[in-house]
Amino acid sequence: MYGPDRCHIPVTELPVGDLWVFGYGSLMWRPGFPYVDLQTARIHGYHRALCVWSWVYRGTQSKPGLVLGLDMGGSCIGRAFRVTAANKIDAVNYLYEREMVTAVYVPTFVPVRLNNRQQVTALTFVVDRAHAQYAGKLSAEEAAEAVLHGCGCSGDNTDYVANTVRHLDELGIRDRILHRVDAIVRSG
């Protein structure tokens, strides 16, 4: 892991001062880094989707599961975390260790509209459509089939989807397709 003198993102590309991070999946309720502000937020141009074949956390290469990615189009409600300037390099390093295991995501700085109507720029992880793990747009039935059979080093894929839906419900965020996949999985 990189220390505070080395960062996965060149320091010149990081914002001066504090860093905002946008979470759209498990980062929303399990960020894993210290933050000083947390707000519900929306980004435009990307939507939350079960569009990443999971080869590590919720599946294997021979029997992949599905995890969330930010895919092109639409908008996404998530959570924005403000990390102090003193902690931003450690937070970036942690996020790379967690999110970039197979480099299926592209770290991207996006404009984010906070609940208080302020606009900030935040680091998030967008799916790389050219990566072999990009699943594309799947029907709820196709996604549920993969979820039912996926299991990786972090456990069953069904638990991942159920936990995600439960937390989205707690936050008042409705994701029609993800909720549909969860309903199919629970009935099957």
N, C-alpha and C. Protein backbone atom coordinates (compact mmCIF):
# COMPACT_ATOMS: atom_id res chain seq x y z
N MET A 1 0.84 -1.19 0.00
CA MET A 1 0.00 0.00 0.00
C MET A 1 0.88 1.24 0.00
N TYR A 2 0.44 2.24 -0.71
CA TYR A 2 1.21 3.47 -0.78
C TYR A 2 1.09 4.25 0.52
N GLY A 3 2.17 4.85 0.93
CA GLY A 3 2.17 5.68 2.12
C GLY A 3 1.74 7.10 1.78
N PRO A 4 1.73 7.99 2.76
CA PRO A 4 1.26 9.35 2.53
C PRO A 4 2.11 10.13 1.54
N ASP A 5 3.35 9.68 1.30
CA ASP A 5 4.19 10.38 0.34
C ASP A 5 3.96 9.89 -1.10
N ARG A 6 3.20 8.80 -1.26
CA ARG A 6 2.87 8.26 -2.59
C ARG A 6 1.37 8.03 -2.65
N CYS A 7 0.81 8.33 -3.79
CA CYS A 7 -0.64 8.21 -3.94
C CYS A 7 -0.95 7.58 -5.28
N HIS A 8 -2.01 6.79 -5.33
CA HIS A 8 -2.44 6.15 -6.58
C HIS A 8 -2.83 7.16 -7.64
N ILE A 9 -3.37 8.29 -7.22
CA ILE A 9 -3.67 9.38 -8.15
C ILE A 9 -2.56 10.41 -7.96
N PRO A 10 -1.94 10.86 -9.05
CA PRO A 10 -0.90 11.88 -8.87
C PRO A 10 -1.44 13.05 -8.05
N VAL A 11 -0.67 13.47 -7.09
CA VAL A 11 -1.11 14.53 -6.18
C VAL A 11 -1.53 15.77 -6.95
N THR A 12 -0.92 16.01 -8.10
CA THR A 12 -1.28 17.17 -8.91
C THR A 12 -2.70 17.06 -9.47
N GLU A 13 -3.28 15.85 -9.52
CA GLU A 13 -4.64 15.67 -10.02
C GLU A 13 -5.68 15.73 -8.90
N LEU A 14 -5.24 15.68 -7.66
CA LEU A 14 -6.16 15.78 -6.54
C LEU A 14 -6.54 17.24 -6.31
N PRO A 15 -7.75 17.48 -5.83
CA PRO A 15 -8.13 18.87 -5.56
C PRO A 15 -7.29 19.46 -4.44
N VAL A 16 -7.11 20.75 -4.48
CA VAL A 16 -6.45 21.44 -3.38
C VAL A 16 -7.42 21.42 -2.21
N GLY A 17 -6.92 21.17 -1.03
CA GLY A 17 -7.81 21.15 0.14
C GLY A 17 -8.49 19.81 0.30
N ASP A 18 -9.73 19.85 0.76
CA ASP A 18 -10.48 18.63 1.05
C ASP A 18 -10.85 17.88 -0.23
N LEU A 19 -11.17 16.60 -0.07
CA LEU A 19 -11.57 15.73 -1.17
C LEU A 19 -12.99 15.24 -0.92
N TRP A 20 -13.84 15.31 -1.95
CA TRP A 20 -15.17 14.71 -1.89
C TRP A 20 -15.11 13.35 -2.59
N VAL A 21 -15.82 12.37 -2.04
CA VAL A 21 -15.92 11.03 -2.63
C VAL A 21 -17.40 10.72 -2.79
N PHE A 22 -17.80 10.25 -3.99
CA PHE A 22 -19.19 9.88 -4.24
C PHE A 22 -19.33 8.37 -4.19
N GLY A 23 -20.23 7.89 -3.32
CA GLY A 23 -20.51 6.46 -3.20
C GLY A 23 -21.90 6.14 -3.70
N TYR A 24 -22.02 5.05 -4.44
CA TYR A 24 -23.31 4.66 -5.03
C TYR A 24 -23.70 3.23 -4.65
N GLY A 25 -22.82 2.50 -4.00
CA GLY A 25 -23.07 1.12 -3.57
C GLY A 25 -22.67 1.00 -2.12
N SER A 26 -21.87 -0.01 -1.82
CA SER A 26 -21.51 -0.28 -0.43
C SER A 26 -20.72 0.86 0.21
N LEU A 27 -20.09 1.71 -0.57
CA LEU A 27 -19.41 2.88 0.01
C LEU A 27 -20.39 3.79 0.75
N MET A 28 -21.67 3.76 0.36
CA MET A 28 -22.64 4.64 1.00
C MET A 28 -22.81 4.33 2.48
N TRP A 29 -22.71 3.08 2.89
CA TRP A 29 -22.91 2.73 4.30
C TRP A 29 -21.68 2.11 4.93
N ARG A 30 -20.66 1.85 4.12
CA ARG A 30 -19.40 1.28 4.66
C ARG A 30 -18.23 1.93 3.93
N PRO A 31 -18.02 3.22 4.18
CA PRO A 31 -16.98 3.90 3.41
C PRO A 31 -15.56 3.39 3.73
N GLY A 32 -15.26 3.13 4.98
CA GLY A 32 -13.95 2.59 5.33
C GLY A 32 -12.85 3.62 5.46
N PHE A 33 -13.19 4.90 5.40
CA PHE A 33 -12.21 5.97 5.57
C PHE A 33 -12.85 7.07 6.41
N PRO A 34 -12.04 7.86 7.11
CA PRO A 34 -12.62 8.93 7.93
C PRO A 34 -13.12 10.08 7.05
N TYR A 35 -14.23 10.66 7.46
CA TYR A 35 -14.79 11.81 6.73
C TYR A 35 -15.37 12.79 7.75
N VAL A 36 -15.54 14.03 7.32
CA VAL A 36 -16.04 15.07 8.23
C VAL A 36 -17.41 15.59 7.83
N ASP A 37 -17.89 15.19 6.67
CA ASP A 37 -19.23 15.59 6.23
C ASP A 37 -19.78 14.49 5.35
N LEU A 38 -21.09 14.27 5.44
CA LEU A 38 -21.78 13.24 4.67
C LEU A 38 -23.10 13.83 4.21
N GLN A 39 -23.36 13.77 2.90
CA GLN A 39 -24.61 14.31 2.38
C GLN A 39 -25.15 13.42 1.28
N THR A 40 -26.47 13.35 1.20
CA THR A 40 -27.10 12.72 0.05
C THR A 40 -26.76 13.59 -1.15
N ALA A 41 -26.51 12.96 -2.29
CA ALA A 41 -26.05 13.71 -3.46
C ALA A 41 -26.51 13.02 -4.74
N ARG A 42 -26.47 13.76 -5.83
CA ARG A 42 -26.86 13.21 -7.14
C ARG A 42 -25.80 13.59 -8.17
N ILE A 43 -25.52 12.61 -9.04
CA ILE A 43 -24.69 12.90 -10.21
C ILE A 43 -25.53 12.68 -11.45
N HIS A 44 -25.18 13.38 -12.50
CA HIS A 44 -25.86 13.23 -13.79
C HIS A 44 -24.86 12.66 -14.79
N GLY A 45 -25.38 11.88 -15.73
CA GLY A 45 -24.53 11.29 -16.76
C GLY A 45 -24.17 9.84 -16.50
N TYR A 46 -24.48 9.35 -15.29
CA TYR A 46 -24.20 7.97 -14.91
C TYR A 46 -25.36 7.44 -14.06
N HIS A 47 -25.56 6.13 -14.12
CA HIS A 47 -26.57 5.49 -13.28
C HIS A 47 -25.98 4.25 -12.61
N ARG A 48 -26.56 3.88 -11.47
CA ARG A 48 -26.16 2.68 -10.72
C ARG A 48 -26.68 1.47 -11.48
N ALA A 49 -25.84 0.44 -11.68
CA ALA A 49 -26.27 -0.75 -12.40
C ALA A 49 -25.48 -1.97 -11.95
N LEU A 50 -26.15 -3.11 -11.94
CA LEU A 50 -25.46 -4.39 -11.76
C LEU A 50 -24.84 -4.73 -13.11
N CYS A 51 -23.68 -4.16 -13.38
CA CYS A 51 -23.08 -4.27 -14.71
C CYS A 51 -21.64 -4.75 -14.68
N VAL A 52 -21.18 -5.22 -13.53
CA VAL A 52 -19.79 -5.67 -13.39
C VAL A 52 -19.78 -7.14 -12.96
N TRP A 53 -19.19 -8.00 -13.80
CA TRP A 53 -18.98 -9.39 -13.40
C TRP A 53 -17.98 -9.41 -12.27
N SER A 54 -18.34 -10.00 -11.16
CA SER A 54 -17.44 -10.07 -10.01
C SER A 54 -16.63 -11.36 -10.07
N TRP A 55 -15.33 -11.20 -10.17
CA TRP A 55 -14.41 -12.33 -10.22
C TRP A 55 -13.70 -12.55 -8.89
N VAL A 56 -13.90 -11.65 -7.93
CA VAL A 56 -13.17 -11.75 -6.67
C VAL A 56 -14.14 -11.72 -5.49
N TYR A 57 -14.78 -10.59 -5.25
CA TYR A 57 -15.56 -10.41 -4.03
C TYR A 57 -16.85 -11.23 -3.99
N ARG A 58 -17.58 -11.33 -5.10
CA ARG A 58 -18.88 -12.01 -5.09
C ARG A 58 -19.01 -13.07 -6.18
N GLY A 59 -17.88 -13.53 -6.68
CA GLY A 59 -17.88 -14.57 -7.69
C GLY A 59 -16.45 -14.95 -8.04
N THR A 60 -16.31 -15.78 -9.05
CA THR A 60 -15.00 -16.19 -9.55
C THR A 60 -15.03 -16.05 -11.07
N GLN A 61 -13.88 -16.19 -11.71
CA GLN A 61 -13.86 -16.11 -13.17
C GLN A 61 -14.68 -17.22 -13.80
N SER A 62 -14.68 -18.40 -13.20
CA SER A 62 -15.45 -19.50 -13.77
C SER A 62 -16.94 -19.42 -13.43
N LYS A 63 -17.29 -18.72 -12.35
CA LYS A 63 -18.69 -18.55 -11.97
C LYS A 63 -18.87 -17.14 -11.40
N PRO A 64 -18.90 -16.15 -12.30
CA PRO A 64 -18.95 -14.76 -11.83
C PRO A 64 -20.29 -14.38 -11.22
N GLY A 65 -20.21 -13.52 -10.22
CA GLY A 65 -21.40 -12.87 -9.68
C GLY A 65 -21.53 -11.51 -10.34
N LEU A 66 -22.38 -10.67 -9.81
CA LEU A 66 -22.57 -9.31 -10.33
C LEU A 66 -22.49 -8.31 -9.19
N VAL A 67 -21.79 -7.22 -9.45
CA VAL A 67 -21.72 -6.11 -8.50
C VAL A 67 -22.04 -4.81 -9.22
N LEU A 68 -22.21 -3.78 -8.44
CA LEU A 68 -22.60 -2.49 -8.97
C LEU A 68 -21.45 -1.75 -9.63
N GLY A 69 -21.81 -0.98 -10.62
CA GLY A 69 -20.91 -0.03 -11.25
C GLY A 69 -21.71 1.20 -11.63
N LEU A 70 -21.02 2.28 -11.89
CA LEU A 70 -21.67 3.46 -12.47
C LEU A 70 -21.51 3.32 -13.96
N ASP A 71 -22.62 3.25 -14.68
CA ASP A 71 -22.60 3.11 -16.13
C ASP A 71 -23.12 4.40 -16.76
N MET A 72 -22.83 4.58 -18.01
CA MET A 72 -23.18 5.81 -18.70
C MET A 72 -24.69 5.99 -18.82
N GLY A 73 -25.12 7.25 -18.70
CA GLY A 73 -26.51 7.62 -18.91
C GLY A 73 -27.29 7.79 -17.62
N GLY A 74 -28.25 8.68 -17.66
CA GLY A 74 -29.15 8.87 -16.52
C GLY A 74 -28.52 9.66 -15.39
N SER A 75 -28.97 9.33 -14.18
CA SER A 75 -28.44 9.98 -12.98
C SER A 75 -28.44 8.97 -11.84
N CYS A 76 -27.79 9.33 -10.77
CA CYS A 76 -27.66 8.41 -9.64
C CYS A 76 -27.67 9.20 -8.34
N ILE A 77 -28.53 8.77 -7.42
CA ILE A 77 -28.52 9.32 -6.07
C ILE A 77 -27.62 8.43 -5.22
N GLY A 78 -26.73 9.06 -4.49
CA GLY A 78 -25.83 8.34 -3.61
C GLY A 78 -25.48 9.21 -2.44
N ARG A 79 -24.27 9.03 -1.94
CA ARG A 79 -23.81 9.82 -0.80
C ARG A 79 -22.44 10.39 -1.11
N ALA A 80 -22.25 11.62 -0.67
CA ALA A 80 -20.97 12.30 -0.86
C ALA A 80 -20.31 12.48 0.50
N PHE A 81 -19.05 12.11 0.57
CA PHE A 81 -18.26 12.20 1.79
C PHE A 81 -17.17 13.24 1.60
N ARG A 82 -17.03 14.14 2.56
CA ARG A 82 -15.92 15.11 2.51
C ARG A 82 -14.81 14.61 3.42
N VAL A 83 -13.65 14.42 2.80
CA VAL A 83 -12.45 13.95 3.50
C VAL A 83 -11.51 15.14 3.65
N THR A 84 -10.96 15.32 4.83
CA THR A 84 -10.06 16.46 5.04
C THR A 84 -8.79 16.32 4.20
N ALA A 85 -8.19 17.45 3.93
CA ALA A 85 -6.94 17.47 3.16
C ALA A 85 -5.89 16.57 3.81
N ALA A 86 -5.86 16.55 5.13
CA ALA A 86 -4.86 15.73 5.84
C ALA A 86 -5.09 14.23 5.64
N ASN A 87 -6.31 13.81 5.34
CA ASN A 87 -6.64 12.38 5.19
C ASN A 87 -6.87 11.94 3.76
N LYS A 88 -6.81 12.85 2.80
CA LYS A 88 -7.24 12.49 1.44
C LYS A 88 -6.33 11.47 0.77
N ILE A 89 -5.04 11.54 0.96
CA ILE A 89 -4.15 10.56 0.31
C ILE A 89 -4.39 9.16 0.87
N ASP A 90 -4.54 9.07 2.19
CA ASP A 90 -4.85 7.76 2.79
C ASP A 90 -6.19 7.24 2.27
N ALA A 91 -7.18 8.12 2.14
CA ALA A 91 -8.50 7.71 1.64
C ALA A 91 -8.40 7.22 0.19
N VAL A 92 -7.67 7.94 -0.64
CA VAL A 92 -7.50 7.53 -2.04
C VAL A 92 -6.79 6.18 -2.12
N ASN A 93 -5.75 6.01 -1.34
CA ASN A 93 -5.04 4.74 -1.34
C ASN A 93 -5.95 3.59 -0.90
N TYR A 94 -6.73 3.82 0.14
CA TYR A 94 -7.67 2.81 0.61
C TYR A 94 -8.68 2.47 -0.49
N LEU A 95 -9.24 3.50 -1.13
CA LEU A 95 -10.24 3.27 -2.18
C LEU A 95 -9.66 2.48 -3.34
N TYR A 96 -8.42 2.77 -3.71
CA TYR A 96 -7.78 1.99 -4.78
C TYR A 96 -7.62 0.54 -4.39
N GLU A 97 -7.19 0.30 -3.16
CA GLU A 97 -7.03 -1.08 -2.69
C GLU A 97 -8.37 -1.81 -2.75
N ARG A 98 -9.44 -1.14 -2.43
CA ARG A 98 -10.77 -1.75 -2.35
C ARG A 98 -11.43 -1.87 -3.72
N GLU A 99 -11.38 -0.83 -4.53
CA GLU A 99 -12.16 -0.78 -5.77
C GLU A 99 -11.41 -1.22 -7.02
N MET A 100 -10.10 -1.16 -7.00
CA MET A 100 -9.33 -1.38 -8.22
C MET A 100 -8.62 -2.73 -8.25
N VAL A 101 -9.20 -3.73 -7.59
CA VAL A 101 -8.60 -5.07 -7.50
C VAL A 101 -8.33 -5.63 -8.90
N THR A 102 -9.27 -5.47 -9.82
CA THR A 102 -9.08 -5.98 -11.19
C THR A 102 -9.11 -4.85 -12.23
N ALA A 103 -9.07 -3.62 -11.79
CA ALA A 103 -9.05 -2.44 -12.68
C ALA A 103 -10.27 -2.36 -13.60
N VAL A 104 -11.43 -2.81 -13.11
CA VAL A 104 -12.65 -2.75 -13.91
C VAL A 104 -13.28 -1.35 -13.85
N TYR A 105 -12.82 -0.53 -12.92
CA TYR A 105 -13.34 0.83 -12.77
C TYR A 105 -12.31 1.85 -13.23
N VAL A 106 -12.83 3.00 -13.62
CA VAL A 106 -11.98 4.14 -13.97
C VAL A 106 -12.22 5.20 -12.90
N PRO A 107 -11.21 5.53 -12.10
CA PRO A 107 -11.38 6.60 -11.13
C PRO A 107 -11.67 7.90 -11.89
N THR A 108 -12.74 8.57 -11.51
CA THR A 108 -13.21 9.72 -12.27
C THR A 108 -13.66 10.81 -11.31
N PHE A 109 -13.33 12.05 -11.65
CA PHE A 109 -13.85 13.18 -10.89
C PHE A 109 -15.09 13.69 -11.61
N VAL A 110 -16.20 13.74 -10.88
CA VAL A 110 -17.49 14.12 -11.47
C VAL A 110 -18.12 15.27 -10.69
N PRO A 111 -18.92 16.09 -11.38
CA PRO A 111 -19.68 17.11 -10.65
C PRO A 111 -20.82 16.43 -9.87
N VAL A 112 -20.98 16.84 -8.63
CA VAL A 112 -21.97 16.25 -7.74
C VAL A 112 -22.81 17.38 -7.14
N ARG A 113 -24.11 17.20 -7.16
CA ARG A 113 -25.03 18.16 -6.52
C ARG A 113 -25.41 17.62 -5.16
N LEU A 114 -24.99 18.33 -4.11
CA LEU A 114 -25.30 17.91 -2.74
C LEU A 114 -26.75 18.25 -2.39
N ASN A 115 -27.25 17.64 -1.34
CA ASN A 115 -28.62 17.90 -0.88
C ASN A 115 -28.85 19.37 -0.57
N ASN A 116 -27.82 20.06 -0.11
CA ASN A 116 -27.96 21.48 0.22
C ASN A 116 -27.83 22.37 -1.03
N ARG A 117 -27.86 21.76 -2.21
CA ARG A 117 -27.81 22.41 -3.52
C ARG A 117 -26.41 22.90 -3.94
N GLN A 118 -25.43 22.71 -3.09
CA GLN A 118 -24.06 23.05 -3.44
C GLN A 118 -23.54 22.05 -4.45
N GLN A 119 -22.75 22.53 -5.41
CA GLN A 119 -22.12 21.61 -6.36
C GLN A 119 -20.64 21.50 -6.02
N VAL A 120 -20.17 20.25 -5.98
CA VAL A 120 -18.77 19.97 -5.71
C VAL A 120 -18.27 18.98 -6.77
N THR A 121 -16.98 18.79 -6.80
CA THR A 121 -16.39 17.76 -7.66
C THR A 121 -15.96 16.62 -6.74
N ALA A 122 -16.33 15.40 -7.11
CA ALA A 122 -16.04 14.26 -6.25
C ALA A 122 -15.37 13.14 -7.04
N LEU A 123 -14.55 12.39 -6.34
CA LEU A 123 -13.95 11.18 -6.89
C LEU A 123 -14.97 10.05 -6.80
N THR A 124 -15.13 9.32 -7.89
CA THR A 124 -15.97 8.12 -7.89
C THR A 124 -15.35 7.11 -8.84
N PHE A 125 -15.95 5.94 -8.92
CA PHE A 125 -15.40 4.86 -9.73
C PHE A 125 -16.45 4.43 -10.75
N VAL A 126 -16.15 4.71 -12.02
CA VAL A 126 -17.05 4.45 -13.15
C VAL A 126 -16.59 3.16 -13.83
N VAL A 127 -17.55 2.34 -14.27
CA VAL A 127 -17.19 1.08 -14.92
C VAL A 127 -16.47 1.36 -16.25
N ASP A 128 -15.46 0.56 -16.53
CA ASP A 128 -14.74 0.62 -17.80
C ASP A 128 -15.45 -0.31 -18.77
N ARG A 129 -16.17 0.25 -19.73
CA ARG A 129 -16.95 -0.56 -20.67
C ARG A 129 -16.08 -1.44 -21.56
N ALA A 130 -14.80 -1.16 -21.67
CA ALA A 130 -13.91 -1.98 -22.49
C ALA A 130 -13.32 -3.15 -21.70
N HIS A 131 -13.53 -3.19 -20.41
CA HIS A 131 -12.96 -4.25 -19.56
C HIS A 131 -13.75 -5.55 -19.73
N ALA A 132 -13.05 -6.66 -19.63
CA ALA A 132 -13.68 -7.98 -19.79
C ALA A 132 -14.77 -8.25 -18.75
N GLN A 133 -14.74 -7.56 -17.63
CA GLN A 133 -15.74 -7.76 -16.58
C GLN A 133 -17.00 -6.92 -16.79
N TYR A 134 -17.02 -6.09 -17.80
CA TYR A 134 -18.22 -5.28 -18.04
C TYR A 134 -19.32 -6.18 -18.56
N ALA A 135 -20.42 -6.27 -17.84
CA ALA A 135 -21.52 -7.16 -18.20
C ALA A 135 -22.52 -6.51 -19.15
N GLY A 136 -22.47 -5.21 -19.28
CA GLY A 136 -23.44 -4.52 -20.12
C GLY A 136 -24.80 -4.46 -19.46
N LYS A 137 -25.80 -4.17 -20.28
CA LYS A 137 -27.17 -4.06 -19.76
C LYS A 137 -27.82 -5.44 -19.77
N LEU A 138 -28.10 -5.93 -18.57
CA LEU A 138 -28.75 -7.23 -18.41
C LEU A 138 -30.19 -7.02 -17.97
N SER A 139 -31.06 -7.93 -18.34
CA SER A 139 -32.42 -7.89 -17.81
C SER A 139 -32.36 -8.25 -16.33
N ALA A 140 -33.42 -7.93 -15.61
CA ALA A 140 -33.47 -8.29 -14.19
C ALA A 140 -33.37 -9.80 -14.02
N GLU A 141 -33.97 -10.55 -14.94
CA GLU A 141 -33.93 -12.01 -14.87
C GLU A 141 -32.52 -12.55 -15.10
N GLU A 142 -31.82 -11.99 -16.08
CA GLU A 142 -30.42 -12.41 -16.34
C GLU A 142 -29.53 -12.08 -15.16
N ALA A 143 -29.70 -10.88 -14.61
CA ALA A 143 -28.89 -10.47 -13.46
C ALA A 143 -29.17 -11.37 -12.26
N ALA A 144 -30.44 -11.67 -12.01
CA ALA A 144 -30.81 -12.52 -10.88
C ALA A 144 -30.19 -13.91 -11.01
N GLU A 145 -30.16 -14.44 -12.22
CA GLU A 145 -29.56 -15.77 -12.45
C GLU A 145 -28.08 -15.77 -12.05
N ALA A 146 -27.35 -14.74 -12.44
CA ALA A 146 -25.93 -14.65 -12.07
C ALA A 146 -25.78 -14.47 -10.56
N VAL A 147 -26.62 -13.62 -9.98
CA VAL A 147 -26.55 -13.35 -8.53
C VAL A 147 -26.81 -14.63 -7.74
N LEU A 148 -27.75 -15.42 -8.18
CA LEU A 148 -28.08 -16.66 -7.47
C LEU A 148 -26.91 -17.63 -7.39
N HIS A 149 -26.00 -17.58 -8.36
CA HIS A 149 -24.90 -18.55 -8.42
C HIS A 149 -23.54 -17.98 -8.02
N GLY A 150 -23.48 -16.67 -7.78
CA GLY A 150 -22.20 -16.04 -7.47
C GLY A 150 -21.80 -16.17 -6.02
N CYS A 151 -20.54 -16.49 -5.79
CA CYS A 151 -19.98 -16.54 -4.45
C CYS A 151 -18.48 -16.31 -4.56
N GLY A 152 -17.97 -15.36 -3.80
CA GLY A 152 -16.55 -15.03 -3.84
C GLY A 152 -15.97 -14.87 -2.46
N CYS A 153 -14.83 -14.25 -2.36
CA CYS A 153 -14.13 -14.15 -1.08
C CYS A 153 -14.88 -13.31 -0.05
N SER A 154 -15.84 -12.47 -0.48
CA SER A 154 -16.65 -11.69 0.46
C SER A 154 -18.02 -12.32 0.72
N GLY A 155 -18.27 -13.49 0.13
CA GLY A 155 -19.51 -14.20 0.41
C GLY A 155 -20.43 -14.32 -0.78
N ASP A 156 -21.67 -14.71 -0.48
CA ASP A 156 -22.68 -14.95 -1.51
C ASP A 156 -23.11 -13.65 -2.17
N ASN A 157 -23.31 -13.73 -3.47
CA ASN A 157 -23.78 -12.58 -4.24
C ASN A 157 -25.19 -12.17 -3.81
N THR A 158 -26.00 -13.16 -3.40
CA THR A 158 -27.37 -12.86 -2.95
C THR A 158 -27.35 -11.94 -1.73
N ASP A 159 -26.38 -12.17 -0.82
CA ASP A 159 -26.25 -11.32 0.36
C ASP A 159 -25.89 -9.89 -0.03
N TYR A 160 -25.01 -9.74 -1.03
CA TYR A 160 -24.60 -8.42 -1.51
C TYR A 160 -25.81 -7.65 -2.02
N VAL A 161 -26.63 -8.28 -2.84
CA VAL A 161 -27.79 -7.60 -3.41
C VAL A 161 -28.80 -7.28 -2.31
N ALA A 162 -29.10 -8.24 -1.44
CA ALA A 162 -30.06 -8.00 -0.36
C ALA A 162 -29.59 -6.89 0.56
N ASN A 163 -28.34 -6.89 0.92
CA ASN A 163 -27.78 -5.85 1.79
C ASN A 163 -27.84 -4.49 1.11
N THR A 164 -27.52 -4.45 -0.17
CA THR A 164 -27.58 -3.19 -0.91
C THR A 164 -29.00 -2.64 -0.93
N VAL A 165 -29.96 -3.49 -1.26
CA VAL A 165 -31.36 -3.06 -1.31
C VAL A 165 -31.83 -2.59 0.07
N ARG A 166 -31.47 -3.31 1.10
CA ARG A 166 -31.87 -2.93 2.47
C ARG A 166 -31.34 -1.55 2.83
N HIS A 167 -30.08 -1.31 2.52
CA HIS A 167 -29.49 -0.01 2.83
C HIS A 167 -30.07 1.11 1.96
N LEU A 168 -30.32 0.82 0.69
CA LEU A 168 -30.96 1.83 -0.16
C LEU A 168 -32.34 2.18 0.41
N ASP A 169 -33.09 1.18 0.86
CA ASP A 169 -34.39 1.43 1.46
C ASP A 169 -34.26 2.31 2.70
N GLU A 170 -33.28 2.01 3.55
CA GLU A 170 -33.06 2.82 4.76
C GLU A 170 -32.75 4.27 4.41
N LEU A 171 -32.10 4.49 3.28
CA LEU A 171 -31.74 5.84 2.86
C LEU A 171 -32.83 6.49 2.01
N GLY A 172 -33.91 5.75 1.75
CA GLY A 172 -35.00 6.30 0.94
C GLY A 172 -34.68 6.38 -0.53
N ILE A 173 -33.77 5.53 -1.00
CA ILE A 173 -33.37 5.52 -2.41
C ILE A 173 -33.99 4.30 -3.08
N ARG A 174 -34.80 4.53 -4.09
CA ARG A 174 -35.45 3.43 -4.82
C ARG A 174 -34.70 3.19 -6.12
N ASP A 175 -34.25 1.97 -6.33
CA ASP A 175 -33.59 1.58 -7.57
C ASP A 175 -34.43 0.45 -8.17
N ARG A 176 -35.26 0.79 -9.13
CA ARG A 176 -36.26 -0.13 -9.68
C ARG A 176 -35.67 -1.46 -10.11
N ILE A 177 -34.60 -1.44 -10.87
CA ILE A 177 -34.03 -2.69 -11.40
C ILE A 177 -33.39 -3.51 -10.28
N LEU A 178 -32.63 -2.86 -9.43
CA LEU A 178 -31.98 -3.58 -8.33
C LEU A 178 -33.02 -4.20 -7.39
N HIS A 179 -34.09 -3.46 -7.11
CA HIS A 179 -35.17 -4.00 -6.29
C HIS A 179 -35.83 -5.19 -6.99
N ARG A 180 -35.98 -5.12 -8.29
CA ARG A 180 -36.58 -6.23 -9.05
C ARG A 180 -35.68 -7.47 -8.99
N VAL A 181 -34.37 -7.27 -9.16
CA VAL A 181 -33.43 -8.40 -9.06
C VAL A 181 -33.53 -9.04 -7.69
N ASP A 182 -33.57 -8.22 -6.65
CA ASP A 182 -33.67 -8.75 -5.29
C ASP A 182 -34.96 -9.55 -5.11
N ALA A 183 -36.06 -9.06 -5.65
CA ALA A 183 -37.34 -9.79 -5.53
C ALA A 183 -37.28 -11.14 -6.24
N ILE A 184 -36.66 -11.16 -7.43
CA ILE A 184 -36.52 -12.43 -8.16
C ILE A 184 -35.65 -13.40 -7.38
N VAL A 185 -34.54 -12.92 -6.84
CA VAL A 185 -33.63 -13.77 -6.09
C VAL A 185 -34.33 -14.34 -4.85
N ARG A 186 -35.07 -13.50 -4.15
CA ARG A 186 -35.75 -13.96 -2.92
C ARG A 186 -36.85 -14.99 -3.25
N SER A 187 -37.46 -14.86 -4.42
CA SER A 187 -38.52 -15.81 -4.78
C SER A 187 -37.98 -17.10 -5.38
N GLY A 188 -36.72 -17.08 -5.79
CA GLY A 188 -36.17 -18.26 -6.47
C GLY A 188 -35.35 -19.07 -5.58
